[in-house]
Amino acid sequence: MYLIRRYALFSAILLICLPFASQFDIDEEADALKDDNDFSTVDESESLLSNVVSDVNKTLTNLYNQVTFANVTVDTNKTNANETRKLVKCKEIVYEPDVDPSVEIINGTALAKLLQIKPDIQSRDVEADCVLVLFYARACPFSAHAAPHFNALARSYPNIKMVGLDALKYHGINAQYGIVGVPTLKMFHNGRPVGKFNGTEYNIHLFSKFVHVITGQNPQALLVTSKDFQGPVSSVVEKETDYFLILSWLFIITCSIYYFMESKWCKMIVEIVQLNWRESEAQHEHID
């Protein structure tokens, strides 16, 4: 890009300083129909500079074509990679009679057991347990908005086990699974992460599209009922006291006060106050 800018700047200078040469380049197709005697009226220096400008323009055109071809090649490679990407195969889940698939609320220990890796399964195209995990927080309004849609999603994909985990309550597990914000939706196949939902809108249709892209499964139905707003994942924002956040703020305030007291600004303020105090005492004694 830097080289292209240099050529473009040089070409612009020549086009500004040499209007006759640029006119020759513009009318090049019309002049090509003339005889050789007509070109003899053009000044040699002007013709030479015109050739330089023409060479620069050709160089810029070649560079542009190369960059465009490279971009097209990259896009083609990405398209081919997406086309050849393997879909994960989920193991069928057998339910008891009169039992509908539903979301299960678990803790950190249960999630670790659920996501245990079986060493004999090394490929996506081998059937294994598929687990869709919603990391949420009860005090997060976005988590509350996504909750009923995630609750309804369990009925749409019965062969995928769906669980919810309070990332604020079991915060020690967040770093292990790369959770930096809530709500976060992650798909696991044989205990290995295979996909993460990166959307900013949370509804059952986008969740279904996310699952379909990874597994290739089609939903049985996409319907959010009033029962889904009641649970298992709560859709009501609950106010909670985040003691870790309070301790963090106390730590930051304490460190800020300490470093300010050790700074030259604090010492300067103390010296000014002491000096003013002494001057006021000396003036008071002088008056007495």
C-alpha atoms as a PDB file:
ATOM      1  CA  MET A   1       0.000   0.000   0.000  1.00  0.00           C
ATOM      2  CA  TYR A   2       2.861   2.368   0.759  1.00  0.00           C
ATOM      3  CA  LEU A   3       4.332   1.711  -2.685  1.00  0.00           C
ATOM      4  CA  ILE A   4       0.980   2.380  -4.343  1.00  0.00           C
ATOM      5  CA  ARG A   5       0.655   5.682  -2.529  1.00  0.00           C
ATOM      6  CA  ARG A   6       4.117   6.734  -3.751  1.00  0.00           C
ATOM      7  CA  TYR A   7       3.204   5.958  -7.358  1.00  0.00           C
ATOM      8  CA  ALA A   8      -0.124   7.738  -6.988  1.00  0.00           C
ATOM      9  CA  LEU A   9       1.549  10.853  -5.549  1.00  0.00           C
ATOM     10  CA  PHE A  10       4.154  10.920  -8.301  1.00  0.00           C
ATOM     11  CA  SER A  11       1.470  10.492 -10.946  1.00  0.00           C
ATOM     12  CA  ALA A  12      -0.642  13.286  -9.458  1.00  0.00           C
ATOM     13  CA  ILE A  13       2.325  15.696  -9.490  1.00  0.00           C
ATOM     14  CA  LEU A  14       3.034  14.939 -13.127  1.00  0.00           C
ATOM     15  CA  LEU A  15      -0.605  15.345 -14.083  1.00  0.00           C
ATOM     16  CA  ILE A  16      -0.810  18.726 -12.356  1.00  0.00           C
ATOM     17  CA  CYS A  17       2.480  20.094 -13.695  1.00  0.00           C
ATOM     18  CA  LEU A  18       2.063  18.695 -17.227  1.00  0.00           C
ATOM     19  CA  PRO A  19      -1.443  19.377 -18.558  1.00  0.00           C
ATOM     20  CA  PHE A  20      -0.420  18.770 -22.182  1.00  0.00           C
ATOM     21  CA  ALA A  21       0.976  15.356 -21.354  1.00  0.00           C
ATOM     22  CA  SER A  22      -2.201  14.364 -19.535  1.00  0.00           C
ATOM     23  CA  GLN A  23      -4.277  15.494 -22.501  1.00  0.00           C
ATOM     24  CA  PHE A  24      -2.192  13.252 -24.692  1.00  0.00           C
ATOM     25  CA  ASP A  25      -2.909  10.308 -22.458  1.00  0.00           C
ATOM     26  CA  ILE A  26      -6.616  11.047 -22.454  1.00  0.00           C
ATOM     27  CA  ASP A  27      -6.810  11.356 -26.233  1.00  0.00           C
ATOM     28  CA  GLU A  28      -4.499   8.444 -26.866  1.00  0.00           C
ATOM     29  CA  GLU A  29      -7.170   6.380 -28.630  1.00  0.00           C
ATOM     30  CA  ALA A  30      -8.087   9.258 -30.961  1.00  0.00           C
ATOM     31  CA  ASP A  31      -4.439  10.001 -31.780  1.00  0.00           C
ATOM     32  CA  ALA A  32      -3.806   6.375 -32.608  1.00  0.00           C
ATOM     33  CA  LEU A  33      -5.985   6.785 -35.701  1.00  0.00           C
ATOM     34  CA  LYS A  34      -3.731   9.519 -37.095  1.00  0.00           C
ATOM     35  CA  ASP A  35      -0.747   9.090 -39.354  1.00  0.00           C
ATOM     36  CA  ASP A  36       2.816   9.015 -38.109  1.00  0.00           C
ATOM     37  CA  ASN A  37       3.382  12.526 -39.525  1.00  0.00           C
ATOM     38  CA  ASP A  38       0.819  13.966 -37.124  1.00  0.00           C
ATOM     39  CA  PHE A  39       2.806  12.783 -34.095  1.00  0.00           C
ATOM     40  CA  SER A  40       5.884  14.643 -35.300  1.00  0.00           C
ATOM     41  CA  THR A  41       4.288  17.903 -34.161  1.00  0.00           C
ATOM     42  CA  VAL A  42       4.476  16.801 -30.511  1.00  0.00           C
ATOM     43  CA  ASP A  43       7.506  18.005 -28.576  1.00  0.00           C
ATOM     44  CA  GLU A  44       9.987  15.227 -27.726  1.00  0.00           C
ATOM     45  CA  SER A  45      10.253  16.189 -24.057  1.00  0.00           C
ATOM     46  CA  GLU A  46       6.481  16.284 -23.807  1.00  0.00           C
ATOM     47  CA  SER A  47       6.247  12.842 -25.418  1.00  0.00           C
ATOM     48  CA  LEU A  48       8.888  11.472 -23.047  1.00  0.00           C
ATOM     49  CA  LEU A  49       7.082  12.738 -19.990  1.00  0.00           C
ATOM     50  CA  SER A  50       3.838  11.371 -21.365  1.00  0.00           C
ATOM     51  CA  ASN A  51       5.448   7.955 -21.654  1.00  0.00           C
ATOM     52  CA  VAL A  52       6.559   8.219 -18.035  1.00  0.00           C
ATOM     53  CA  VAL A  53       3.017   9.053 -16.940  1.00  0.00           C
ATOM     54  CA  SER A  54       1.691   6.186 -19.040  1.00  0.00           C
ATOM     55  CA  ASP A  55       4.174   3.777 -17.458  1.00  0.00           C
ATOM     56  CA  VAL A  56       3.173   4.948 -13.987  1.00  0.00           C
ATOM     57  CA  ASN A  57      -0.508   4.479 -14.787  1.00  0.00           C
ATOM     58  CA  LYS A  58       0.166   0.990 -16.130  1.00  0.00           C
ATOM     59  CA  THR A  59       2.152   0.137 -12.985  1.00  0.00           C
ATOM     60  CA  LEU A  60      -0.696   1.352 -10.785  1.00  0.00           C
ATOM     61  CA  THR A  61      -3.168  -0.672 -12.825  1.00  0.00           C
ATOM     62  CA  ASN A  62      -1.055  -3.815 -12.485  1.00  0.00           C
ATOM     63  CA  LEU A  63      -0.713  -3.317  -8.737  1.00  0.00           C
ATOM     64  CA  TYR A  64      -4.458  -2.800  -8.411  1.00  0.00           C
ATOM     65  CA  ASN A  65      -5.152  -5.958 -10.387  1.00  0.00           C
ATOM     66  CA  GLN A  66      -2.726  -7.929  -8.223  1.00  0.00           C
ATOM     67  CA  VAL A  67      -4.316  -6.685  -5.004  1.00  0.00           C
ATOM     68  CA  THR A  68      -7.807  -7.386  -6.343  1.00  0.00           C
ATOM     69  CA  PHE A  69      -6.794 -10.874  -7.462  1.00  0.00           C
ATOM     70  CA  ALA A  70      -5.278 -11.540  -4.031  1.00  0.00           C
ATOM     71  CA  ASN A  71      -8.496 -10.461  -2.296  1.00  0.00           C
ATOM     72  CA  VAL A  72     -10.570 -12.645  -4.588  1.00  0.00           C
ATOM     73  CA  THR A  73      -8.250 -15.574  -3.894  1.00  0.00           C
ATOM     74  CA  VAL A  74      -8.556 -15.079  -0.127  1.00  0.00           C
ATOM     75  CA  ASP A  75     -12.338 -14.864  -0.322  1.00  0.00           C
ATOM     76  CA  THR A  76     -12.424 -17.991  -2.479  1.00  0.00           C
ATOM     77  CA  ASN A  77     -10.235 -19.857  -0.006  1.00  0.00           C
ATOM     78  CA  LYS A  78     -12.518 -18.816   2.866  1.00  0.00           C
ATOM     79  CA  THR A  79     -15.568 -19.964   0.931  1.00  0.00           C
ATOM     80  CA  ASN A  80     -13.975 -23.317   0.164  1.00  0.00           C
ATOM     81  CA  ALA A  81     -12.958 -23.726   3.794  1.00  0.00           C
ATOM     82  CA  ASN A  82     -16.505 -23.045   4.945  1.00  0.00           C
ATOM     83  CA  GLU A  83     -17.879 -25.496   2.418  1.00  0.00           C
ATOM     84  CA  THR A  84     -15.521 -28.263   3.529  1.00  0.00           C
ATOM     85  CA  ARG A  85     -16.066 -27.655   7.251  1.00  0.00           C
ATOM     86  CA  LYS A  86     -17.370 -30.769   8.963  1.00  0.00           C
ATOM     87  CA  LEU A  87     -20.584 -30.681  10.937  1.00  0.00           C
ATOM     88  CA  VAL A  88     -20.566 -32.209  14.383  1.00  0.00           C
ATOM     89  CA  LYS A  89     -22.597 -35.369  14.938  1.00  0.00           C
ATOM     90  CA  CYS A  90     -24.632 -35.417  18.115  1.00  0.00           C
ATOM     91  CA  LYS A  91     -25.489 -38.604  19.947  1.00  0.00           C
ATOM     92  CA  GLU A  92     -29.200 -39.299  20.293  1.00  0.00           C
ATOM     93  CA  ILE A  93     -30.660 -38.663  23.734  1.00  0.00           C
ATOM     94  CA  VAL A  94     -33.304 -41.103  24.961  1.00  0.00           C
ATOM     95  CA  TYR A  95     -35.955 -39.583  27.216  1.00  0.00           C
ATOM     96  CA  GLU A  96     -38.388 -41.298  29.511  1.00  0.00           C
ATOM     97  CA  PRO A  97     -42.054 -41.386  28.500  1.00  0.00           C
ATOM     98  CA  ASP A  98     -43.986 -38.173  29.119  1.00  0.00           C
ATOM     99  CA  VAL A  99     -40.769 -36.242  29.703  1.00  0.00           C
ATOM    100  CA  ASP A 100     -40.053 -33.238  27.512  1.00  0.00           C
ATOM    101  CA  PRO A 101     -36.530 -31.934  26.903  1.00  0.00           C
ATOM    102  CA  SER A 102     -35.759 -28.980  29.153  1.00  0.00           C
ATOM    103  CA  VAL A 103     -32.846 -26.853  30.306  1.00  0.00           C
ATOM    104  CA  GLU A 104     -30.978 -28.017  33.379  1.00  0.00           C
ATOM    105  CA  ILE A 105     -29.434 -25.536  35.826  1.00  0.00           C
ATOM    106  CA  ILE A 106     -26.067 -26.877  36.999  1.00  0.00           C
ATOM    107  CA  ASN A 107     -23.030 -25.764  38.978  1.00  0.00           C
ATOM    108  CA  GLY A 108     -19.351 -25.709  38.103  1.00  0.00           C
ATOM    109  CA  THR A 109     -18.663 -29.254  39.293  1.00  0.00           C
ATOM    110  CA  ALA A 110     -21.548 -30.711  37.313  1.00  0.00           C
ATOM    111  CA  LEU A 111     -20.408 -28.833  34.191  1.00  0.00           C
ATOM    112  CA  ALA A 112     -16.898 -30.232  34.523  1.00  0.00           C
ATOM    113  CA  LYS A 113     -18.293 -33.772  34.718  1.00  0.00           C
ATOM    114  CA  LEU A 114     -20.639 -33.139  31.829  1.00  0.00           C
ATOM    115  CA  LEU A 115     -17.820 -31.899  29.597  1.00  0.00           C
ATOM    116  CA  GLN A 116     -15.413 -34.755  30.224  1.00  0.00           C
ATOM    117  CA  ILE A 117     -13.551 -35.677  27.046  1.00  0.00           C
ATOM    118  CA  LYS A 118     -13.618 -39.248  25.800  1.00  0.00           C
ATOM    119  CA  PRO A 119     -10.141 -39.957  24.385  1.00  0.00           C
ATOM    120  CA  ASP A 120     -11.417 -42.503  21.854  1.00  0.00           C
ATOM    121  CA  ILE A 121     -13.390 -39.789  20.001  1.00  0.00           C
ATOM    122  CA  GLN A 122     -11.082 -37.515  18.044  1.00  0.00           C
ATOM    123  CA  SER A 123     -13.231 -36.272  15.174  1.00  0.00           C
ATOM    124  CA  ARG A 124     -16.341 -34.171  14.720  1.00  0.00           C
ATOM    125  CA  ASP A 125     -17.981 -36.710  12.433  1.00  0.00           C
ATOM    126  CA  VAL A 126     -18.086 -39.296  15.228  1.00  0.00           C
ATOM    127  CA  GLU A 127     -21.231 -39.335  17.334  1.00  0.00           C
ATOM    128  CA  ALA A 128     -20.723 -37.850  20.765  1.00  0.00           C
ATOM    129  CA  ASP A 129     -22.592 -35.897  23.424  1.00  0.00           C
ATOM    130  CA  CYS A 130     -23.456 -32.365  22.308  1.00  0.00           C
ATOM    131  CA  VAL A 131     -23.935 -29.844  25.088  1.00  0.00           C
ATOM    132  CA  LEU A 132     -25.138 -26.270  24.652  1.00  0.00           C
ATOM    133  CA  VAL A 133     -24.240 -24.111  27.667  1.00  0.00           C
ATOM    134  CA  LEU A 134     -25.698 -20.716  28.513  1.00  0.00           C
ATOM    135  CA  PHE A 135     -23.461 -18.731  30.833  1.00  0.00           C
ATOM    136  CA  TYR A 136     -25.712 -16.124  32.405  1.00  0.00           C
ATOM    137  CA  ALA A 137     -26.126 -13.882  35.440  1.00  0.00           C
ATOM    138  CA  ARG A 138     -29.367 -13.344  37.330  1.00  0.00           C
ATOM    139  CA  ALA A 139     -28.620  -9.626  37.718  1.00  0.00           C
ATOM    140  CA  CYS A 140     -27.968  -9.154  33.975  1.00  0.00           C
ATOM    141  CA  PRO A 141     -30.915  -7.757  31.960  1.00  0.00           C
ATOM    142  CA  PHE A 142     -29.537  -9.242  28.734  1.00  0.00           C
ATOM    143  CA  SER A 143     -29.439 -12.683  30.335  1.00  0.00           C
ATOM    144  CA  ALA A 144     -33.025 -12.233  31.467  1.00  0.00           C
ATOM    145  CA  HIS A 145     -34.013 -11.311  27.911  1.00  0.00           C
ATOM    146  CA  ALA A 146     -32.303 -14.400  26.445  1.00  0.00           C
ATOM    147  CA  ALA A 147     -33.634 -16.799  29.109  1.00  0.00           C
ATOM    148  CA  PRO A 148     -37.101 -17.669  27.690  1.00  0.00           C
ATOM    149  CA  HIS A 149     -35.716 -18.153  24.192  1.00  0.00           C
ATOM    150  CA  PHE A 150     -33.041 -20.522  25.494  1.00  0.00           C
ATOM    151  CA  ASN A 151     -35.634 -22.388  27.569  1.00  0.00           C
ATOM    152  CA  ALA A 152     -37.774 -22.913  24.457  1.00  0.00           C
ATOM    153  CA  LEU A 153     -34.763 -23.976  22.386  1.00  0.00           C
ATOM    154  CA  ALA A 154     -34.444 -27.205  24.396  1.00  0.00           C
ATOM    155  CA  ARG A 155     -37.681 -28.530  22.886  1.00  0.00           C
ATOM    156  CA  SER A 156     -36.518 -27.660  19.368  1.00  0.00           C
ATOM    157  CA  TYR A 157     -33.342 -29.775  19.549  1.00  0.00           C
ATOM    158  CA  PRO A 158     -33.991 -32.809  21.770  1.00  0.00           C
ATOM    159  CA  ASN A 159     -30.682 -34.472  20.856  1.00  0.00           C
ATOM    160  CA  ILE A 160     -28.656 -31.596  22.298  1.00  0.00           C
ATOM    161  CA  LYS A 161     -28.399 -31.324  26.055  1.00  0.00           C
ATOM    162  CA  MET A 162     -28.898 -27.715  27.130  1.00  0.00           C
ATOM    163  CA  VAL A 163     -27.731 -26.447  30.494  1.00  0.00           C
ATOM    164  CA  GLY A 164     -27.458 -23.084  32.201  1.00  0.00           C
ATOM    165  CA  LEU A 165     -24.751 -21.944  34.597  1.00  0.00           C
ATOM    166  CA  ASP A 166     -24.660 -18.780  36.703  1.00  0.00           C
ATOM    167  CA  ALA A 167     -21.315 -17.336  35.656  1.00  0.00           C
ATOM    168  CA  LEU A 168     -21.384 -14.787  38.489  1.00  0.00           C
ATOM    169  CA  LYS A 169     -21.993 -17.376  41.183  1.00  0.00           C
ATOM    170  CA  TYR A 170     -19.457 -19.869  39.807  1.00  0.00           C
ATOM    171  CA  HIS A 171     -16.972 -17.287  38.561  1.00  0.00           C
ATOM    172  CA  GLY A 172     -13.984 -19.571  39.050  1.00  0.00           C
ATOM    173  CA  ILE A 173     -14.923 -21.553  35.947  1.00  0.00           C
ATOM    174  CA  ASN A 174     -15.133 -18.551  33.607  1.00  0.00           C
ATOM    175  CA  ALA A 175     -11.429 -18.413  32.768  1.00  0.00           C
ATOM    176  CA  GLN A 176     -11.397 -22.129  31.974  1.00  0.00           C
ATOM    177  CA  TYR A 177     -14.003 -21.718  29.234  1.00  0.00           C
ATOM    178  CA  GLY A 178     -13.056 -18.212  28.095  1.00  0.00           C
ATOM    179  CA  ILE A 179     -16.124 -16.418  29.438  1.00  0.00           C
ATOM    180  CA  VAL A 180     -15.580 -12.647  29.514  1.00  0.00           C
ATOM    181  CA  GLY A 181     -19.207 -11.491  29.487  1.00  0.00           C
ATOM    182  CA  VAL A 182     -22.779 -12.688  29.884  1.00  0.00           C
ATOM    183  CA  PRO A 183     -24.886 -13.998  28.337  1.00  0.00           C
ATOM    184  CA  THR A 184     -22.556 -16.328  26.427  1.00  0.00           C
ATOM    185  CA  LEU A 185     -23.758 -19.344  24.472  1.00  0.00           C
ATOM    186  CA  LYS A 186     -21.210 -22.089  23.689  1.00  0.00           C
ATOM    187  CA  MET A 187     -21.556 -25.449  21.978  1.00  0.00           C
ATOM    188  CA  PHE A 188     -19.469 -28.439  23.072  1.00  0.00           C
ATOM    189  CA  HIS A 189     -18.945 -31.757  21.288  1.00  0.00           C
ATOM    190  CA  ASN A 190     -17.327 -34.502  23.346  1.00  0.00           C
ATOM    191  CA  GLY A 191     -16.361 -31.859  25.898  1.00  0.00           C
ATOM    192  CA  ARG A 192     -14.544 -29.735  23.319  1.00  0.00           C
ATOM    193  CA  PRO A 193     -15.812 -26.276  22.337  1.00  0.00           C
ATOM    194  CA  VAL A 194     -16.959 -26.182  18.706  1.00  0.00           C
ATOM    195  CA  GLY A 195     -18.828 -22.888  18.496  1.00  0.00           C
ATOM    196  CA  LYS A 196     -19.696 -19.650  20.271  1.00  0.00           C
ATOM    197  CA  PHE A 197     -22.676 -17.398  19.665  1.00  0.00           C
ATOM    198  CA  ASN A 198     -21.411 -13.878  18.926  1.00  0.00           C
ATOM    199  CA  GLY A 199     -24.695 -12.139  18.159  1.00  0.00           C
ATOM    200  CA  THR A 200     -25.908  -9.003  19.912  1.00  0.00           C
ATOM    201  CA  GLU A 201     -29.584  -9.998  19.690  1.00  0.00           C
ATOM    202  CA  TYR A 202     -30.922 -12.928  21.657  1.00  0.00           C
ATOM    203  CA  ASN A 203     -33.942 -14.745  20.292  1.00  0.00           C
ATOM    204  CA  ILE A 204     -34.879 -18.310  19.491  1.00  0.00           C
ATOM    205  CA  HIS A 205     -34.477 -17.884  15.733  1.00  0.00           C
ATOM    206  CA  LEU A 206     -30.863 -16.713  15.989  1.00  0.00           C
ATOM    207  CA  PHE A 207     -30.115 -19.419  18.544  1.00  0.00           C
ATOM    208  CA  SER A 208     -31.602 -22.016  16.192  1.00  0.00           C
ATOM    209  CA  LYS A 209     -29.536 -20.737  13.277  1.00  0.00           C
ATOM    210  CA  PHE A 210     -26.415 -20.991  15.432  1.00  0.00           C
ATOM    211  CA  VAL A 211     -27.165 -24.610  16.331  1.00  0.00           C
ATOM    212  CA  HIS A 212     -28.053 -25.505  12.746  1.00  0.00           C
ATOM    213  CA  VAL A 213     -24.786 -24.138  11.375  1.00  0.00           C
ATOM    214  CA  ILE A 214     -22.765 -26.299  13.772  1.00  0.00           C
ATOM    215  CA  THR A 215     -24.781 -29.509  13.804  1.00  0.00           C
ATOM    216  CA  GLY A 216     -26.818 -29.359  10.608  1.00  0.00           C
ATOM    217  CA  GLN A 217     -29.935 -30.339  12.556  1.00  0.00           C
ATOM    218  CA  ASN A 218     -33.278 -28.755  11.821  1.00  0.00           C
ATOM    219  CA  PRO A 219     -35.501 -27.596  14.683  1.00  0.00           C
ATOM    220  CA  GLN A 220     -38.717 -29.448  15.473  1.00  0.00           C
ATOM    221  CA  ALA A 221     -40.513 -26.223  16.374  1.00  0.00           C
ATOM    222  CA  LEU A 222     -39.605 -22.657  17.284  1.00  0.00           C
ATOM    223  CA  LEU A 223     -42.164 -21.452  19.776  1.00  0.00           C
ATOM    224  CA  VAL A 224     -41.693 -19.482  22.984  1.00  0.00           C
ATOM    225  CA  THR A 225     -44.537 -20.048  25.446  1.00  0.00           C
ATOM    226  CA  SER A 226     -45.490 -18.308  28.668  1.00  0.00           C
ATOM    227  CA  LYS A 227     -44.052 -21.249  30.590  1.00  0.00           C
ATOM    228  CA  ASP A 228     -40.608 -20.491  29.169  1.00  0.00           C
ATOM    229  CA  PHE A 229     -40.615 -17.122  30.923  1.00  0.00           C
ATOM    230  CA  GLN A 230     -40.918 -18.872  34.284  1.00  0.00           C
ATOM    231  CA  GLY A 231     -37.830 -21.056  33.980  1.00  0.00           C
ATOM    232  CA  PRO A 232     -35.670 -23.025  34.311  1.00  0.00           C
ATOM    233  CA  VAL A 233     -33.444 -20.013  33.480  1.00  0.00           C
ATOM    234  CA  SER A 234     -35.107 -17.047  35.121  1.00  0.00           C
ATOM    235  CA  SER A 235     -36.273 -14.178  32.927  1.00  0.00           C
ATOM    236  CA  VAL A 236     -36.595 -11.801  35.891  1.00  0.00           C
ATOM    237  CA  VAL A 237     -33.684  -9.530  36.751  1.00  0.00           C
ATOM    238  CA  GLU A 238     -32.685 -10.113  40.368  1.00  0.00           C
ATOM    239  CA  LYS A 239     -30.689  -7.567  42.310  1.00  0.00           C
ATOM    240  CA  GLU A 240     -27.648  -9.138  43.913  1.00  0.00           C
ATOM    241  CA  THR A 241     -24.792  -7.710  45.918  1.00  0.00           C
ATOM    242  CA  ASP A 242     -21.537  -8.334  44.157  1.00  0.00           C
ATOM    243  CA  TYR A 243     -19.097  -8.532  47.043  1.00  0.00           C
ATOM    244  CA  PHE A 244     -16.165  -9.143  44.753  1.00  0.00           C
ATOM    245  CA  LEU A 245     -16.949  -5.919  42.915  1.00  0.00           C
ATOM    246  CA  ILE A 246     -17.101  -4.035  46.224  1.00  0.00           C
ATOM    247  CA  LEU A 247     -13.764  -5.497  47.313  1.00  0.00           C
ATOM    248  CA  SER A 248     -12.261  -4.565  43.959  1.00  0.00           C
ATOM    249  CA  TRP A 249     -13.372  -0.951  44.310  1.00  0.00           C
ATOM    250  CA  LEU A 250     -12.030  -0.798  47.877  1.00  0.00           C
ATOM    251  CA  PHE A 251      -8.708  -2.164  46.686  1.00  0.00           C
ATOM    252  CA  ILE A 252      -8.517   0.384  43.855  1.00  0.00           C
ATOM    253  CA  ILE A 253      -9.406   3.291  46.173  1.00  0.00           C
ATOM    254  CA  THR A 254      -6.867   2.178  48.795  1.00  0.00           C
ATOM    255  CA  CYS A 255      -4.081   1.861  46.235  1.00  0.00           C
ATOM    256  CA  SER A 256      -4.967   5.237  44.724  1.00  0.00           C
ATOM    257  CA  ILE A 257      -4.806   6.957  48.126  1.00  0.00           C
ATOM    258  CA  TYR A 258      -1.498   5.268  48.967  1.00  0.00           C
ATOM    259  CA  TYR A 259       0.195   6.204  45.696  1.00  0.00           C
ATOM    260  CA  PHE A 260      -1.152   9.756  45.927  1.00  0.00           C
ATOM    261  CA  MET A 261       0.310  10.157  49.441  1.00  0.00           C
ATOM    262  CA  GLU A 262       3.691   8.970  48.119  1.00  0.00           C
ATOM    263  CA  SER A 263       3.631  11.328  45.136  1.00  0.00           C
ATOM    264  CA  LYS A 264       5.300  14.737  44.899  1.00  0.00           C
ATOM    265  CA  TRP A 265       1.922  16.419  44.509  1.00  0.00           C
ATOM    266  CA  CYS A 266       0.817  15.290  47.941  1.00  0.00           C
ATOM    267  CA  LYS A 267       4.069  16.449  49.485  1.00  0.00           C
ATOM    268  CA  MET A 268       3.735  19.806  47.734  1.00  0.00           C
ATOM    269  CA  ILE A 269       0.191  20.254  49.062  1.00  0.00           C
ATOM    270  CA  VAL A 270       1.324  19.386  52.610  1.00  0.00           C
ATOM    271  CA  GLU A 271       4.194  21.883  52.411  1.00  0.00           C
ATOM    272  CA  ILE A 272       1.862  24.645  51.177  1.00  0.00           C
ATOM    273  CA  VAL A 273      -0.582  23.984  54.019  1.00  0.00           C
ATOM    274  CA  GLN A 274       2.210  23.983  56.610  1.00  0.00           C
ATOM    275  CA  LEU A 275       3.672  27.180  55.203  1.00  0.00           C
ATOM    276  CA  ASN A 276       0.324  28.960  55.300  1.00  0.00           C
ATOM    277  CA  TRP A 277      -0.246  27.729  58.830  1.00  0.00           C
ATOM    278  CA  ARG A 278       3.097  29.089  59.991  1.00  0.00           C
ATOM    279  CA  GLU A 279       2.525  32.421  58.311  1.00  0.00           C
ATOM    280  CA  SER A 280      -0.903  32.745  59.943  1.00  0.00           C
ATOM    281  CA  GLU A 281       0.565  31.935  63.383  1.00  0.00           C
ATOM    282  CA  ALA A 282       3.429  34.417  62.898  1.00  0.00           C
ATOM    283  CA  GLN A 283       0.985  37.134  61.845  1.00  0.00           C
ATOM    284  CA  HIS A 284      -1.223  36.396  64.851  1.00  0.00           C
ATOM    285  CA  GLU A 285       1.745  36.679  67.254  1.00  0.00           C
ATOM    286  CA  HIS A 286       2.807  39.956  65.628  1.00  0.00           C
ATOM    287  CA  ILE A 287      -0.635  41.439  66.180  1.00  0.00           C
ATOM    288  CA  ASP A 288      -0.619  40.398  69.847  1.00  0.00           C
END
